Amino acid sequence: MRKSILMFLFSLMTVGIALSCREEKSAGEKIEDGVEEVGDGIEEGAEEVEEAAEDVVDDH
């Protein structure tokens, strides 16, 4: 019983330490990441449209 309580406390402390060591992002960094994700999504969409247009031209 004592070992299981000690293991539980050790596990809880390990998780707490791991979560407290995470790097916190500032608002500016979060905005920058969001803008980059949107830009990547637009780029991927443009590539898909380009490929679809090439397929249509090739078929005709």
Protein backbone atom coordinates (compact mmCIF):
# COMPACT_ATOMS: atom_id res chain seq x y z
CA MET A 1 0.00 0.00 0.00
CA ARG A 2 2.77 2.41 0.90
CA LYS A 3 4.66 1.68 -2.33
CA SER A 4 1.59 2.39 -4.45
CA ILE A 5 1.03 5.73 -2.69
CA LEU A 6 4.68 6.68 -3.16
CA MET A 7 4.55 5.67 -6.86
CA PHE A 8 1.39 7.74 -7.34
CA LEU A 9 2.99 10.79 -5.72
CA PHE A 10 6.17 10.33 -7.75
CA SER A 11 4.14 10.08 -10.97
CA LEU A 12 2.12 13.15 -10.06
CA MET A 13 5.26 15.16 -9.31
CA THR A 14 6.88 14.02 -12.57
CA VAL A 15 3.88 15.16 -14.59
CA GLY A 16 3.80 18.47 -12.73
CA ILE A 17 7.46 19.13 -13.42
CA ALA A 18 7.13 18.17 -17.07
CA LEU A 19 4.18 20.54 -17.56
CA SER A 20 5.85 23.41 -15.76
CA CYS A 21 8.88 23.20 -18.06
CA ARG A 22 6.85 23.88 -21.18
CA GLU A 23 7.83 26.95 -23.11
CA GLU A 24 5.14 29.59 -22.96
CA LYS A 25 4.53 31.58 -26.14
CA SER A 26 3.81 35.27 -26.16
CA ALA A 27 0.79 36.68 -27.95
CA GLY A 28 2.99 37.87 -30.81
CA GLU A 29 4.47 34.41 -31.28
CA LYS A 30 1.01 32.84 -31.28
CA ILE A 31 -0.16 35.31 -33.93
CA GLU A 32 2.95 34.67 -36.02
CA ASP A 33 2.38 30.91 -35.87
CA GLY A 34 -1.25 31.38 -36.89
CA VAL A 35 -0.30 33.55 -39.85
CA GLU A 36 2.26 30.97 -40.96
CA GLU A 37 -0.33 28.19 -40.75
CA VAL A 38 -2.80 30.21 -42.83
CA GLY A 39 -0.07 30.97 -45.38
CA ASP A 40 0.83 27.28 -45.61
CA GLY A 41 -2.83 26.39 -46.11
CA ILE A 42 -3.20 28.95 -48.89
CA GLU A 43 -0.03 27.69 -50.58
CA GLU A 44 -1.25 24.08 -50.45
CA GLY A 45 -4.63 25.10 -51.85
CA ALA A 46 -2.99 27.00 -54.70
CA GLU A 47 -0.84 23.99 -55.55
CA GLU A 48 -3.94 21.76 -55.63
CA VAL A 49 -5.73 24.20 -57.94
CA GLU A 50 -2.66 24.37 -60.19
CA GLU A 51 -2.49 20.57 -60.39
CA ALA A 52 -6.21 20.35 -61.15
CA ALA A 53 -5.88 22.97 -63.89
CA GLU A 54 -2.97 21.08 -65.43
CA ASP A 55 -5.01 17.86 -65.36
CA VAL A 56 -7.89 19.60 -67.17
CA VAL A 57 -5.54 21.02 -69.81
CA ASP A 58 -3.89 17.62 -70.28
CA ASP A 59 -7.27 15.92 -70.71
CA HIS A 60 -8.37 18.29 -73.48
